[in-house]
Every structure is written in C-alpha cells, then in structure tokens.
Protein backbone atom coordinates (compact mmCIF):
# COMPACT_ATOMS: atom_id res chain seq x y z
CA MET A 1 142.50 52.78 232.40
CA THR A 2 139.31 54.63 232.91
CA MET A 3 140.32 57.10 230.25
CA ALA A 4 140.94 54.32 227.72
CA MET A 5 137.47 52.94 228.30
CA THR A 6 135.92 56.39 227.97
CA GLY A 7 137.83 56.83 224.70
CA CYS A 8 136.48 53.52 223.39
CA SER A 9 133.00 54.44 224.46
CA ASN A 10 133.24 57.79 222.65
CA SER A 11 134.66 56.14 219.60
CA GLY A 12 131.67 53.74 219.42
CA SER A 13 129.31 56.62 220.01
CA GLU A 14 130.97 58.61 217.24
CA ASP A 15 130.71 55.64 214.86
CA SER A 16 127.01 55.28 215.65
CA THR A 17 126.46 59.06 215.17
CA ASN A 18 128.36 59.00 211.86
CA ALA A 19 126.33 56.05 210.63
CA THR A 20 123.14 57.86 211.58
CA ILE A 21 124.23 61.03 209.77
CA ASN A 22 125.29 59.03 206.70
CA ALA A 23 121.91 57.27 206.62
CA ALA A 24 120.10 60.60 206.96
CA MET A 25 122.17 62.10 204.13
CA GLN A 26 121.44 59.08 201.89
CA ALA A 27 117.71 59.33 202.61
CA SER A 28 117.80 63.07 201.92
CA ALA A 29 119.60 62.45 198.62
CA ALA A 30 117.02 59.81 197.64
CA ALA A 31 114.19 62.19 198.53
CA ASP A 32 115.82 64.96 196.47
CA ALA A 33 116.11 62.57 193.49
CA ALA A 34 112.45 61.53 193.79
CA MET A 35 111.38 65.15 194.03
CA ALA A 36 113.44 66.06 190.96
CA GLN A 37 111.86 63.18 189.02
CA ALA A 38 108.34 64.27 190.09
CA ASN A 39 109.10 67.89 189.20
CA ALA A 40 110.32 66.79 185.77
CA ALA A 41 107.14 64.84 185.17
CA ILE A 42 105.03 67.81 186.27
CA ALA A 43 107.00 70.15 184.06
CA ASN A 44 106.53 67.78 181.10
CA ALA A 45 102.78 67.59 181.79
CA MET A 46 102.58 71.36 182.05
CA ARG A 47 104.52 71.75 178.83
CA ILE A 48 102.17 69.53 176.90
CA SER A 49 98.96 70.72 178.56
CA GLY A 50 99.92 74.34 178.43
CA GLU A 51 100.03 74.48 174.66
CA THR A 52 96.23 74.20 174.17
CA THR A 53 94.51 77.23 175.58
CA ALA A 54 91.39 77.54 173.47
CA PRO A 55 88.13 76.09 174.75
CA VAL A 56 87.33 72.72 173.22
CA ASP A 57 83.94 72.41 171.41
CA ALA A 58 81.51 69.60 172.33
CA ASP A 59 82.42 67.41 169.35
CA LYS A 60 86.09 67.57 170.22
CA VAL A 61 85.34 66.78 173.88
CA ALA A 62 83.68 63.54 172.80
CA SER A 63 86.57 62.71 170.51
CA ILE A 64 89.19 63.52 173.16
CA CYS A 65 87.30 61.35 175.67
CA LYS A 66 87.09 58.48 173.20
CA ALA A 67 90.81 58.73 172.55
CA ALA A 68 91.57 58.75 176.31
CA ILE A 69 89.35 55.76 177.12
CA ALA A 70 90.72 53.92 174.07
CA GLU A 71 94.27 54.50 175.22
CA LEU A 72 93.55 53.53 178.82
CA PHE A 73 91.86 50.24 177.94
CA GLY A 74 93.74 49.29 174.77
CA HIS A 75 90.89 49.46 172.21
CA SER A 76 90.27 51.44 169.11
CA PRO A 77 88.34 54.71 169.51
CA LYS A 78 86.41 53.70 166.40
CA ILE A 79 84.38 51.14 168.38
CA MET A 80 83.37 53.76 170.96
CA LYS A 81 80.21 55.77 171.18
CA ALA A 82 79.82 59.08 173.01
CA ALA A 83 76.69 60.39 174.65
CA PRO A 84 76.48 63.75 176.52
CA GLN A 85 75.26 63.37 180.09
CA GLY A 86 75.00 67.02 181.09
CA GLY A 87 77.36 69.08 183.22
CA GLY A 88 80.18 68.60 180.74
CA ILE A 89 80.17 64.78 181.23
CA VAL A 90 80.36 62.51 178.23
CA ARG A 91 79.55 58.78 178.56
CA ILE A 92 81.84 56.65 176.45
CA SER A 93 80.55 53.12 175.77
CA TYR A 94 81.91 50.26 173.75
CA ARG A 95 81.61 46.48 173.43
CA ARG A 96 84.82 44.59 173.88
CA PRO A 97 85.56 42.89 170.55
CA ASP A 98 86.58 39.51 171.94
CA ASP A 99 83.54 38.79 174.08
CA GLY A 100 81.00 41.55 173.38
CA LYS A 101 80.88 42.76 176.99
CA LEU A 102 79.61 46.30 177.34
CA PHE A 103 81.80 48.86 179.07
CA LYS A 104 80.83 52.44 180.04
CA ASN A 105 83.01 55.25 181.31
CA ASP A 106 82.19 58.85 182.07
CA CYS A 107 84.67 61.52 181.01
CA GLN A 108 84.96 65.26 181.41
CA LEU A 109 87.64 67.81 180.59
CA GLN A 110 88.96 70.16 183.20
CA GLY A 111 91.21 72.55 181.25
CA ASN A 112 93.67 70.19 179.61
CA HIS A 113 93.11 67.41 182.18
CA ILE A 114 90.95 64.41 181.31
CA MET A 115 88.87 63.10 184.26
CA TRP A 116 87.25 59.70 184.03
CA ARG A 117 85.30 57.10 186.01
CA GLY A 118 83.79 53.75 185.33
CA PHE A 119 80.01 53.49 185.09
CA ASP A 120 78.01 50.35 185.85
CA ILE A 121 81.08 48.22 186.27
CA SER A 122 78.67 45.69 187.76
CA PRO A 123 75.24 46.04 186.08
CA GLY A 124 73.21 48.68 187.94
CA SER A 125 76.07 49.80 190.17
CA GLY A 126 76.02 53.35 188.78
CA PRO A 127 78.99 55.66 188.68
CA GLY A 128 82.32 54.74 190.08
CA ARG A 129 84.78 57.25 191.56
CA TRP A 130 86.47 59.97 189.58
CA ARG A 131 90.14 59.15 189.07
CA ASN A 132 91.43 62.18 191.01
CA ASN A 133 93.23 60.55 193.95
CA PRO A 134 96.95 61.39 194.21
CA ALA A 135 97.69 57.69 193.55
CA ASP A 136 95.78 57.81 190.25
CA GLU A 137 97.31 58.58 186.91
CA VAL A 138 96.94 62.14 185.56
CA LEU A 139 95.79 62.42 181.94
CA THR A 140 96.41 65.60 179.96
CA PHE A 141 95.91 66.28 176.30
CA LYS A 142 96.92 68.55 173.45
CA VAL A 143 95.05 68.84 170.18
CA LYS A 144 97.33 68.98 167.12
CA GLY A 145 95.44 69.21 163.87
CA LYS A 146 93.40 66.02 163.51
CA THR A 147 95.11 64.16 166.36
CA VAL A 148 95.12 64.35 170.12
CA GLU A 149 98.33 63.82 172.02
CA LEU A 150 97.76 62.21 175.40
CA LEU A 151 100.23 62.32 178.31
CA THR A 152 99.71 59.98 181.22
CA THR A 153 101.67 60.84 184.36
CA TYR A 154 101.73 58.11 187.01
CA SER A 155 102.02 58.64 190.77
CA ASP A 156 105.62 57.47 190.68
CA GLY A 157 106.52 60.24 188.26
CA SER A 158 106.82 58.02 185.20
CA THR A 159 105.01 59.05 182.00
CA ALA A 160 103.60 57.59 178.84
CA THR A 161 102.63 59.43 175.69
CA ALA A 162 100.29 58.42 172.86
CA LYS A 163 98.56 59.91 169.85
CA GLN A 164 95.03 59.08 168.73
CA PRO A 165 92.97 60.42 165.80
CA LEU A 166 90.21 62.89 166.50
CA LEU A 167 87.11 61.10 165.22
C-alpha cells in the first residue's frame, strides 16, 4: 500500500512538473513572438531610415521637423513656423486653428531619427524632455523628392507611416 501512495504522489508531482514546463514553454514562445515582432519593426525602421544617407541642409531640417510635428499632432505643416535655436535645434510653433492656442516644440535630427520635445507647455515652463525614453515612439524619415516619408515605431513594435510635403 505504501508503494501505491508513493506512485500517486509521484504522479501528482509529475503533473505539476509537466504543467510548469508547459507554462515555461508557452512563455518562451510568447517572448520569441514578441522579439520577432520587435525585430521586424526595427528592420522596417532601418530599411526606411537607411535609404537617406546625405546630410540634410538647414531648410530641409526645418521642413522635416514641421512634417513630423504636424503628423504627431494632427495639424497641417502649412500653419507651422520654424526658427533655428542653435545646436541643430529648430523650434516649431503653431496656433491651433480651433482655439488659437500657441504650441511650441523643439526638434532636431540625429541621422535619420527625429527627436522632439515640447517647449513651454505651461507658459514659462521652458523645455520639456526629449522623447528618447524606450517607452517613447521612434520617428525616422526619408526624403523622396518633394515629400518626406515618416515612420513612427511604437514601443510595442507597431508602426505607422505617413507622407508630408517638404515646405
């Protein structure tokens, strides 16, 4: 009788071990799928950003920054003004059409990456943080003729693409 109890005990222990192994395998498969999705997004971003290798002149920097801010906030780049701030930073400002509220954002290009931060979100607050945290979206660009193609890659690996005119 002791052997029968030991057998039951082992069977329960085996079931528990098998369940743990199955859970670990499922978690590993989910992690592999997430990594594959992230790698695909990175490869797509690299594909788009890798096509523009020439330095961008100052006028195009302003236009690319206008396009990026326009896309991020859902307004036309035509309502935006650009002012160089030094150090490769361009301040993009615009008044929101529906209420006239003034918005300002700083923008700079790092290779084919577009970096941005809010400025004076509350009057007199000064510069906000650069959007370079791993949880922030990554903006890349490619100039094609008189348009700029923007690729936004989100922290979950999803992407969005857009085209804006170079003004």
